[in-house]
């Protein structure tokens, strides 16, 4: 997934009200950018952090800029826009880059399941067998080399675990994909101290038969793409 037009550099002043961030552009202008991340962004919102912003290209955005990347002290980049996760995964599915997932046929986005639930993707084999795929964007890392999910309590994520388990109970395949939008992690775990209910729910969902996949990303100022699988350790 390439950023088009190219991102603009900025410095973070502060993030507030979850979805807003004050930034200073390279030319000295102070602007308000949309922060497309509903989580806590723990470790990623320090004032003065180098950031990269996308410019408004459509009628749907009220603000002229959207926050896409943040740079860490060691030089690594993190993709903070959770809305980009499905685009990255869609490209990976189309290219057959995710081991263990069907490469024939067509993956459909935003598929309704049950009452009031949508999974990010679904795939139907020629035999009629259904595979449901739900994607979670991962940005948190509190220990060197270890990515964690979630970075805040997620009732919505817990609901998805229950619905994925329900899909398995109906005879379908159900997959949870943790997409790590950073390059400095080689391991993945659940932040049970942040959300004990989610950690318990994930263990139950795995016992119920859902598959869990972790995948790291290559993150650059030009774009974000799938890199290598990461194993989840409970």
Protein backbone atom coordinates (compact mmCIF):
# COMPACT_ATOMS: atom_id res chain seq x y z
CA UNK A 1 0.00 0.00 0.00
CA UNK A 2 1.65 3.20 -1.22
CA UNK A 3 0.94 6.65 0.13
CA UNK A 4 -0.31 8.76 -2.74
CA UNK A 5 0.31 11.67 -2.64
CA UNK A 6 3.54 11.35 -0.62
CA UNK A 7 3.35 12.03 3.10
CA UNK A 8 4.37 15.36 4.62
CA UNK A 9 6.72 15.50 7.63
CA UNK A 10 5.64 17.17 10.86
CA UNK A 11 6.29 17.25 14.60
CA UNK A 12 3.72 16.23 17.18
CA UNK A 13 2.67 18.88 19.66
CA UNK A 14 -0.02 16.86 21.42
CA UNK A 15 -2.73 14.29 20.83
CA UNK A 16 -6.12 14.93 22.44
CA UNK A 17 -9.77 13.85 22.33
CA UNK A 18 -8.45 10.58 20.82
CA UNK A 19 -8.98 11.66 17.23
CA UNK A 20 -7.19 15.02 17.12
CA UNK A 21 -3.50 15.93 17.11
CA UNK A 22 -1.77 19.31 16.98
CA UNK A 23 1.21 19.23 14.62
CA UNK A 24 3.86 21.61 13.32
CA UNK A 25 4.74 21.24 9.65
CA UNK A 26 8.27 21.68 8.32
CA UNK A 27 7.38 25.16 7.11
CA UNK A 28 6.42 26.19 10.64
CA UNK A 29 2.66 26.11 10.19
CA UNK A 30 0.66 24.76 13.13
CA UNK A 31 -2.22 22.52 12.06
CA UNK A 32 -4.75 20.11 13.53
CA UNK A 33 -4.56 16.60 12.05
CA UNK A 34 -7.02 13.74 12.26
CA UNK A 35 -5.70 10.89 14.42
CA UNK A 36 -7.19 7.69 12.92
CA UNK A 37 -6.50 5.50 15.92
CA UNK A 38 -9.09 4.86 18.68
CA UNK A 39 -6.60 3.18 21.04
CA UNK A 40 -4.37 4.66 23.71
CA UNK A 41 -1.34 4.86 21.36
CA UNK A 42 0.82 4.06 24.35
CA UNK A 43 4.45 4.95 23.64
CA UNK A 44 3.62 6.60 20.31
CA UNK A 45 2.33 10.05 21.20
CA UNK A 46 5.23 11.79 22.92
CA UNK A 47 5.35 15.53 22.18
CA UNK A 48 8.09 16.32 19.67
CA UNK A 49 7.89 12.96 17.92
CA UNK A 50 8.56 13.02 14.17
CA UNK A 51 5.36 12.25 12.26
CA UNK A 52 4.21 11.93 8.65
CA UNK A 53 0.83 13.13 7.46
CA UNK A 54 -1.39 12.44 4.48
CA UNK A 55 -2.97 15.43 2.75
CA UNK A 56 -6.70 15.67 2.23
CA UNK A 57 -7.65 14.24 -1.17
CA UNK A 58 -11.43 13.76 -0.91
CA UNK A 59 -14.59 15.40 0.31
CA UNK A 60 -15.04 13.08 3.30
CA UNK A 61 -12.30 14.56 5.51
CA UNK A 62 -13.04 17.64 7.60
CA UNK A 63 -9.36 18.25 8.38
CA UNK A 64 -6.67 18.91 5.78
CA UNK A 65 -4.26 16.33 7.19
CA UNK A 66 -4.37 12.81 8.60
CA UNK A 67 -1.72 11.23 10.81
CA UNK A 68 -0.18 8.10 9.23
CA UNK A 69 3.27 7.38 10.72
CA UNK A 70 5.27 8.16 13.84
CA UNK A 71 9.02 7.80 14.17
CA UNK A 72 10.61 6.22 17.25
CA UNK A 73 13.85 7.21 18.94
CA UNK A 74 15.75 4.37 17.29
CA UNK A 75 14.56 5.33 13.82
CA UNK A 76 11.83 2.72 13.41
CA UNK A 77 8.50 3.79 11.94
CA UNK A 78 5.05 2.77 13.19
CA UNK A 79 1.85 2.92 11.13
CA UNK A 80 -0.74 4.37 13.50
CA UNK A 81 -3.70 4.52 11.08
CA UNK A 82 -5.86 1.51 11.97
CA UNK A 83 -7.97 2.22 8.88
CA UNK A 84 -5.06 1.22 6.64
CA UNK A 85 -4.85 -2.31 8.07
CA UNK A 86 -7.50 -3.80 5.79
CA UNK A 87 -5.91 -2.22 2.71
CA UNK A 88 -2.57 -3.78 3.60
CA UNK A 89 -4.14 -7.17 4.23
CA UNK A 90 -6.26 -6.98 1.05
CA UNK A 91 -3.10 -6.50 -1.01
CA UNK A 92 -1.47 -9.42 0.80
CA UNK A 93 -4.47 -11.68 0.18
CA UNK A 94 -4.56 -10.78 -3.51
CA UNK A 95 -0.85 -11.59 -3.81
CA UNK A 96 -1.11 -14.83 -1.82
CA UNK A 97 1.40 -13.56 0.75
CA UNK A 98 -0.28 -14.89 3.89
CA UNK A 99 0.64 -18.55 4.53
CA UNK A 100 -2.22 -20.93 5.22
CA UNK A 101 -4.95 -18.79 3.65
CA UNK A 102 -6.80 -19.64 0.42
CA UNK A 103 -5.22 -18.17 -2.72
CA UNK A 104 -7.87 -19.27 -5.19
CA UNK A 105 -11.13 -17.42 -5.64
CA UNK A 106 -11.99 -14.00 -4.27
CA UNK A 107 -11.84 -12.48 -0.81
CA UNK A 108 -14.86 -10.26 -0.14
CA UNK A 109 -14.53 -7.28 2.23
CA UNK A 110 -16.92 -6.21 4.99
CA UNK A 111 -19.06 -9.35 5.15
CA UNK A 112 -22.11 -9.49 7.41
CA UNK A 113 -22.26 -12.33 9.93
CA UNK A 114 -25.15 -12.88 12.29
CA UNK A 115 -26.95 -9.84 13.62
CA UNK A 116 -24.99 -6.60 13.76
CA UNK A 117 -21.53 -8.07 13.07
CA UNK A 118 -19.26 -7.54 10.09
CA UNK A 119 -16.04 -9.42 9.54
CA UNK A 120 -13.29 -7.72 7.56
CA UNK A 121 -13.09 -10.44 4.89
CA UNK A 122 -14.73 -13.69 3.81
CA UNK A 123 -13.74 -16.32 1.26
CA UNK A 124 -15.81 -19.06 -0.36
CA UNK A 125 -14.16 -22.17 -1.83
CA UNK A 126 -15.54 -23.99 -4.83
CA UNK A 127 -16.87 -26.57 -2.37
CA UNK A 128 -18.91 -23.83 -0.69
CA UNK A 129 -16.78 -23.81 2.47
CA UNK A 130 -16.62 -20.38 4.08
CA UNK A 131 -13.61 -18.72 5.72
CA UNK A 132 -14.08 -15.57 7.81
CA UNK A 133 -11.14 -13.27 8.54
CA UNK A 134 -11.00 -10.48 11.11
CA UNK A 135 -8.01 -8.09 11.21
CA UNK A 136 -6.64 -6.27 14.26
CA UNK A 137 -4.01 -3.54 13.91
CA UNK A 138 -1.17 -3.81 16.44
CA UNK A 139 1.01 -0.82 17.36
CA UNK A 140 1.95 -1.37 21.02
CA UNK A 141 5.42 -2.46 22.11
CA UNK A 142 6.51 -2.07 25.74
CA UNK A 143 9.41 -4.53 25.60
CA UNK A 144 12.09 -4.54 22.95
CA UNK A 145 11.08 -6.82 20.08
CA UNK A 146 7.65 -7.67 21.53
CA UNK A 147 4.40 -6.42 20.00
CA UNK A 148 1.24 -6.53 22.12
CA UNK A 149 -2.49 -6.26 21.60
CA UNK A 150 -4.58 -4.45 22.72
CA UNK A 151 -3.25 -1.09 23.90
CA UNK A 152 -6.58 -0.28 25.58
CA UNK A 153 -9.66 -2.18 26.66
CA UNK A 154 -11.57 -3.39 23.61
CA UNK A 155 -15.17 -4.51 24.06
CA UNK A 156 -15.52 -4.55 20.27
CA UNK A 157 -12.56 -6.89 19.95
CA UNK A 158 -14.07 -9.21 22.56
CA UNK A 159 -17.34 -9.26 20.61
CA UNK A 160 -15.44 -10.25 17.46
CA UNK A 161 -13.85 -13.17 19.32
CA UNK A 162 -17.28 -14.45 20.31
CA UNK A 163 -18.60 -14.07 16.77
CA UNK A 164 -15.58 -15.84 15.29
CA UNK A 165 -16.20 -18.70 17.71
CA UNK A 166 -19.84 -18.76 16.62
CA UNK A 167 -18.73 -19.05 12.99
CA UNK A 168 -16.60 -22.09 13.88
CA UNK A 169 -19.57 -23.62 15.72
CA UNK A 170 -21.55 -23.31 12.48
CA UNK A 171 -18.92 -25.30 10.61
CA UNK A 172 -16.95 -22.43 9.04
CA UNK A 173 -13.28 -21.57 9.32
CA UNK A 174 -12.61 -18.40 11.34
CA UNK A 175 -9.28 -16.56 11.47
CA UNK A 176 -8.01 -13.68 13.55
CA UNK A 177 -5.08 -11.81 12.00
CA UNK A 178 -2.94 -9.53 14.15
CA UNK A 179 -1.28 -7.04 11.79
CA UNK A 180 1.80 -5.51 13.43
CA UNK A 181 2.31 -2.12 11.79
CA UNK A 182 5.94 -1.80 12.85
CA UNK A 183 9.28 -3.37 11.90
CA UNK A 184 11.03 -3.59 15.27
CA UNK A 185 9.13 -6.58 16.69
CA UNK A 186 9.74 -10.28 16.11
CA UNK A 187 7.34 -11.62 18.78
CA UNK A 188 3.67 -11.05 19.55
CA UNK A 189 1.68 -11.42 22.76
CA UNK A 190 -1.58 -10.37 24.40
CA UNK A 191 -1.49 -7.46 26.85
CA UNK A 192 -3.45 -9.28 29.55
CA UNK A 193 -2.68 -6.60 32.13
CA UNK A 194 -4.37 -3.98 29.94
CA UNK A 195 -7.44 -6.05 29.07
CA UNK A 196 -7.78 -9.29 31.08
CA UNK A 197 -11.22 -9.99 29.56
CA UNK A 198 -9.78 -9.93 26.05
CA UNK A 199 -6.93 -12.25 27.02
CA UNK A 200 -9.41 -14.71 28.54
CA UNK A 201 -11.68 -14.39 25.53
CA UNK A 202 -8.86 -15.08 23.09
CA UNK A 203 -7.84 -18.23 24.96
CA UNK A 204 -11.46 -19.41 24.86
CA UNK A 205 -11.80 -18.58 21.16
CA UNK A 206 -8.66 -20.57 20.31
CA UNK A 207 -10.03 -23.49 22.31
CA UNK A 208 -13.26 -23.14 20.32
CA UNK A 209 -11.31 -23.61 17.09
CA UNK A 210 -10.47 -20.19 15.64
CA UNK A 211 -7.06 -19.81 13.97
CA UNK A 212 -4.76 -16.96 14.99
CA UNK A 213 -2.16 -15.48 12.66
CA UNK A 214 0.38 -12.74 13.32
CA UNK A 215 2.06 -10.78 10.54
CA UNK A 216 4.62 -7.99 10.66
CA UNK A 217 4.76 -5.11 8.21
CA UNK A 218 7.46 -3.30 6.31
CA UNK A 219 6.82 0.35 7.17
CA UNK A 220 8.43 3.14 5.16
CA UNK A 221 7.54 6.73 4.37
CA UNK A 222 6.57 5.53 0.89
CA UNK A 223 4.11 2.89 2.03
CA UNK A 224 3.30 -0.15 4.18
CA UNK A 225 3.30 -3.78 3.06
CA UNK A 226 3.31 -7.26 4.57
CA UNK A 227 6.69 -8.54 5.68
CA UNK A 228 6.91 -11.81 7.64
CA UNK A 229 4.70 -13.93 9.89
CA UNK A 230 4.96 -13.52 13.67
CA UNK A 231 3.92 -16.24 16.10
CA UNK A 232 1.52 -15.33 18.89
CA UNK A 233 2.59 -16.47 22.36
CA UNK A 234 -0.11 -16.63 25.03
